[in-house]
C-alpha atoms as a PDB file:
ATOM      1  CA  MET A   1      19.804   2.352  14.206  1.00  0.00           C
ATOM      2  CA  SER A   2      20.310   1.397  17.826  1.00  0.00           C
ATOM      3  CA  HIS A   3      23.038   2.229  20.248  1.00  0.00           C
ATOM      4  CA  SER A   4      23.966   1.387  23.808  1.00  0.00           C
ATOM      5  CA  ALA A   5      22.865   3.752  26.520  1.00  0.00           C
ATOM      6  CA  ALA A   6      23.253   3.298  30.228  1.00  0.00           C
ATOM      7  CA  ARG A   7      20.243   3.165  32.504  1.00  0.00           C
ATOM      8  CA  PRO A   8      20.900   4.651  35.923  1.00  0.00           C
ATOM      9  CA  GLY A   9      22.881   2.166  37.997  1.00  0.00           C
ATOM     10  CA  GLN A  10      22.885  -0.454  35.239  1.00  0.00           C
ATOM     11  CA  GLY A  11      26.110   0.117  33.275  1.00  0.00           C
ATOM     12  CA  GLU A  12      26.107  -0.170  29.480  1.00  0.00           C
ATOM     13  CA  ASN A  13      24.209  -3.469  29.121  1.00  0.00           C
ATOM     14  CA  ILE A  14      20.887  -2.136  27.801  1.00  0.00           C
ATOM     15  CA  ARG A  15      20.463  -1.375  24.106  1.00  0.00           C
ATOM     16  CA  VAL A  16      18.171   1.618  23.522  1.00  0.00           C
ATOM     17  CA  ASN A  17      16.598   2.651  20.235  1.00  0.00           C
ATOM     18  CA  PRO A  18      16.763   6.430  19.853  1.00  0.00           C
ATOM     19  CA  GLY A  19      13.085   6.974  18.905  1.00  0.00           C
ATOM     20  CA  ALA A  20      10.514   7.703  21.607  1.00  0.00           C
ATOM     21  CA  GLY A  21       8.450   4.689  22.566  1.00  0.00           C
ATOM     22  CA  GLU A  22      10.656   2.200  20.772  1.00  0.00           C
ATOM     23  CA  PRO A  23      11.365  -0.986  22.707  1.00  0.00           C
ATOM     24  CA  ARG A  24      14.532  -1.494  24.702  1.00  0.00           C
ATOM     25  CA  GLU A  25      16.056  -4.889  25.157  1.00  0.00           C
ATOM     26  CA  PRO A  26      18.888  -6.155  27.303  1.00  0.00           C
ATOM     27  CA  ALA A  27      22.216  -6.668  25.590  1.00  0.00           C
ATOM     28  CA  ASP A  28      23.351 -10.213  24.952  1.00  0.00           C
ATOM     29  CA  ASP A  29      25.784 -10.002  27.883  1.00  0.00           C
ATOM     30  CA  ALA A  30      23.244  -8.607  30.397  1.00  0.00           C
ATOM     31  CA  SER A  31      23.246 -10.157  33.866  1.00  0.00           C
ATOM     32  CA  PRO A  32      20.173 -11.975  35.245  1.00  0.00           C
ATOM     33  CA  ASP A  33      19.581  -9.033  37.617  1.00  0.00           C
ATOM     34  CA  GLU A  34      19.602  -6.591  34.691  1.00  0.00           C
ATOM     35  CA  ILE A  35      17.218  -8.784  32.720  1.00  0.00           C
ATOM     36  CA  GLU A  36      14.854  -9.027  35.729  1.00  0.00           C
ATOM     37  CA  ALA A  37      15.005  -5.255  36.207  1.00  0.00           C
ATOM     38  CA  ASP A  38      14.202  -4.786  32.513  1.00  0.00           C
ATOM     39  CA  ILE A  39      11.247  -7.179  32.787  1.00  0.00           C
ATOM     40  CA  ALA A  40       9.944  -5.323  35.861  1.00  0.00           C
ATOM     41  CA  ARG A  41      10.253  -1.966  34.036  1.00  0.00           C
ATOM     42  CA  THR A  42       8.478  -3.363  30.980  1.00  0.00           C
ATOM     43  CA  ARG A  43       5.646  -4.745  33.136  1.00  0.00           C
ATOM     44  CA  ARG A  44       5.266  -1.387  34.913  1.00  0.00           C
ATOM     45  CA  GLU A  45       5.189   0.525  31.606  1.00  0.00           C
ATOM     46  CA  LEU A  46       2.719  -1.946  30.116  1.00  0.00           C
ATOM     47  CA  GLY A  47       0.465  -1.608  33.168  1.00  0.00           C
ATOM     48  CA  GLU A  48       0.549   2.188  32.851  1.00  0.00           C
ATOM     49  CA  THR A  49      -0.294   1.940  29.149  1.00  0.00           C
ATOM     50  CA  VAL A  50      -3.209  -0.434  29.768  1.00  0.00           C
ATOM     51  CA  GLU A  51      -4.532   1.863  32.519  1.00  0.00           C
ATOM     52  CA  ALA A  52      -4.332   4.910  30.244  1.00  0.00           C
ATOM     53  CA  LEU A  53      -6.144   3.056  27.442  1.00  0.00           C
ATOM     54  CA  SER A  54      -8.792   1.853  29.888  1.00  0.00           C
ATOM     55  CA  ASP A  55      -9.460   5.410  31.014  1.00  0.00           C
ATOM     56  CA  LYS A  56      -9.744   6.603  27.403  1.00  0.00           C
ATOM     57  CA  LEU A  57     -12.122   3.802  26.436  1.00  0.00           C
ATOM     58  CA  ASP A  58     -14.308   3.841  29.576  1.00  0.00           C
ATOM     59  CA  PRO A  59     -17.849   4.802  28.436  1.00  0.00           C
ATOM     60  CA  LYS A  60     -18.809   6.183  31.854  1.00  0.00           C
ATOM     61  CA  ALA A  61     -15.705   8.393  31.990  1.00  0.00           C
ATOM     62  CA  GLN A  62     -16.407   9.565  28.427  1.00  0.00           C
ATOM     63  CA  ALA A  63     -20.022  10.385  29.343  1.00  0.00           C
ATOM     64  CA  ASP A  64     -18.972  12.204  32.514  1.00  0.00           C
ATOM     65  CA  GLU A  65     -16.485  14.303  30.546  1.00  0.00           C
ATOM     66  CA  GLN A  66     -19.098  15.164  27.905  1.00  0.00           C
ATOM     67  CA  ILE A  67     -21.629  16.127  30.591  1.00  0.00           C
ATOM     68  CA  SER A  68     -19.028  18.327  32.252  1.00  0.00           C
ATOM     69  CA  ARG A  69     -18.254  20.105  28.947  1.00  0.00           C
ATOM     70  CA  LEU A  70     -21.950  20.600  28.137  1.00  0.00           C
ATOM     71  CA  THR A  71     -22.742  21.860  31.634  1.00  0.00           C
ATOM     72  CA  HIS A  72     -19.912  24.384  31.446  1.00  0.00           C
ATOM     73  CA  ARG A  73     -21.093  25.561  28.021  1.00  0.00           C
ATOM     74  CA  ALA A  74     -24.715  25.878  29.217  1.00  0.00           C
ATOM     75  CA  ARG A  75     -23.615  27.945  32.222  1.00  0.00           C
ATOM     76  CA  GLU A  76     -21.692  30.282  29.935  1.00  0.00           C
ATOM     77  CA  GLN A  77     -24.746  30.692  27.696  1.00  0.00           C
ATOM     78  CA  VAL A  78     -27.009  31.347  30.679  1.00  0.00           C
ATOM     79  CA  ASP A  79     -24.600  33.970  32.018  1.00  0.00           C
ATOM     80  CA  HIS A  80     -24.376  35.641  28.605  1.00  0.00           C
ATOM     81  CA  ALA A  81     -28.180  35.680  28.196  1.00  0.00           C
ATOM     82  CA  ARG A  82     -28.589  37.074  31.718  1.00  0.00           C
ATOM     83  CA  GLU A  83     -26.119  39.886  30.982  1.00  0.00           C
ATOM     84  CA  ARG A  84     -27.928  40.749  27.733  1.00  0.00           C
ATOM     85  CA  ALA A  85     -31.309  40.743  29.485  1.00  0.00           C
ATOM     86  CA  GLN A  86     -30.008  42.969  32.290  1.00  0.00           C
ATOM     87  CA  SER A  87     -28.514  45.365  29.753  1.00  0.00           C
ATOM     88  CA  THR A  88     -31.786  45.513  27.808  1.00  0.00           C
ATOM     89  CA  LEU A  89     -33.776  46.070  30.973  1.00  0.00           C
ATOM     90  CA  SER A  90     -31.398  48.788  32.145  1.00  0.00           C
ATOM     91  CA  HIS A  91     -31.658  50.519  28.777  1.00  0.00           C
ATOM     92  CA  ALA A  92     -35.459  50.234  28.864  1.00  0.00           C
ATOM     93  CA  ARG A  93     -35.605  51.723  32.361  1.00  0.00           C
ATOM     94  CA  HIS A  94     -33.373  54.587  31.303  1.00  0.00           C
ATOM     95  CA  THR A  95     -35.504  55.205  28.206  1.00  0.00           C
ATOM     96  CA  ALA A  96     -38.745  54.979  30.206  1.00  0.00           C
ATOM     97  CA  ALA A  97     -37.472  57.554  32.677  1.00  0.00           C
ATOM     98  CA  ASP A  98     -36.631  59.981  29.865  1.00  0.00           C
ATOM     99  CA  PRO A  99     -39.456  62.538  29.674  1.00  0.00           C
ATOM    100  CA  HIS A 100     -38.711  63.165  25.994  1.00  0.00           C
ATOM    101  CA  SER A 101     -39.144  59.509  25.047  1.00  0.00           C
ATOM    102  CA  PRO A 102     -42.116  59.083  22.692  1.00  0.00           C
ATOM    103  CA  VAL A 103     -43.176  55.643  23.910  1.00  0.00           C
ATOM    104  CA  PRO A 104     -41.619  54.846  27.290  1.00  0.00           C
ATOM    105  CA  ALA A 105     -44.315  52.398  28.336  1.00  0.00           C
ATOM    106  CA  LEU A 106     -44.023  50.429  25.097  1.00  0.00           C
ATOM    107  CA  LEU A 107     -40.230  50.176  25.440  1.00  0.00           C
ATOM    108  CA  ALA A 108     -40.493  49.087  29.054  1.00  0.00           C
ATOM    109  CA  ALA A 109     -43.027  46.413  28.085  1.00  0.00           C
ATOM    110  CA  ALA A 110     -40.773  45.192  25.263  1.00  0.00           C
ATOM    111  CA  ALA A 111     -37.805  44.964  27.623  1.00  0.00           C
ATOM    112  CA  GLY A 112     -39.869  43.051  30.146  1.00  0.00           C
ATOM    113  CA  ALA A 113     -41.045  40.650  27.453  1.00  0.00           C
ATOM    114  CA  THR A 114     -37.448  40.138  26.309  1.00  0.00           C
ATOM    115  CA  VAL A 115     -36.303  39.325  29.831  1.00  0.00           C
ATOM    116  CA  PHE A 116     -39.286  37.012  30.339  1.00  0.00           C
ATOM    117  CA  ALA A 117     -38.589  35.186  27.043  1.00  0.00           C
ATOM    118  CA  ALA A 118     -34.869  34.860  27.806  1.00  0.00           C
ATOM    119  CA  VAL A 119     -35.535  33.388  31.248  1.00  0.00           C
ATOM    120  CA  GLY A 120     -38.140  31.012  29.796  1.00  0.00           C
ATOM    121  CA  LEU A 121     -35.715  29.882  27.099  1.00  0.00           C
ATOM    122  CA  LEU A 122     -32.969  29.286  29.637  1.00  0.00           C
ATOM    123  CA  ILE A 123     -35.259  27.252  31.878  1.00  0.00           C
ATOM    124  CA  THR A 124     -36.370  24.997  29.027  1.00  0.00           C
ATOM    125  CA  ARG A 125     -32.790  24.500  27.786  1.00  0.00           C
ATOM    126  CA  ARG A 126     -31.553  23.492  31.235  1.00  0.00           C
ATOM    127  CA  ARG A 127     -34.116  20.672  31.370  1.00  0.00           C
END
């Protein structure tokens, strides 16, 4: 169902369908100026729609967006791995310094190996 609705400064000569995105058309008694204004508005809206579709379908823009998402995710993973490695190393240092620890050297070596492996893994993933 359509009804008349006034556009700013245009009076009641434009028929507007109530649904979003539905086409508007000038009323049968619209003046030439109102028809020209409607054509100009339609051209502007169509241009905006074509531009938006172009951006969505542009392979380079799609690739750039995907690279940006993957880079952000990789940075988060690197930060998380670095925090885990630092925590493990800190725990190993604390354990190694404990005189009651049965195998401080072994724990320190294991922590070092963990840090070394984590850094190696991160370097290979970034390439």
